[in-house]
Amino acid sequence: LTTFNEVDMSALIALRNKYKDDFVKKHGVKFGFMSPFIKASAQVLQEMPIVNARIDDATQEIVFHSHVDVSVAVATPK
């Protein structure tokens, strides 16, 4: 299953283009799009706690979390 959502990324692209060289000089890595996506995802999870909830198997109740934990798989050199 693949889902596509159209998003206006012009502001993010402009920000990236403006600071990409300085970012590489300071941090030694490129300013990609993953960090803003994860930041936005974490913010939405805080604003909509039901999306960050789970159903407890034993009680069949919705359990809300007071934290957001996002993990991202990345490719690294072997």
Foldseek 3Di string as FASTA:
>chain_A
DDDDDDDPCVVVVVVQVVCQVVCCVVPVDGDDDVVVVVVVVQVVCQVPQQVVWDQDPVVRDIDTDPHDDDDDDDDDDD
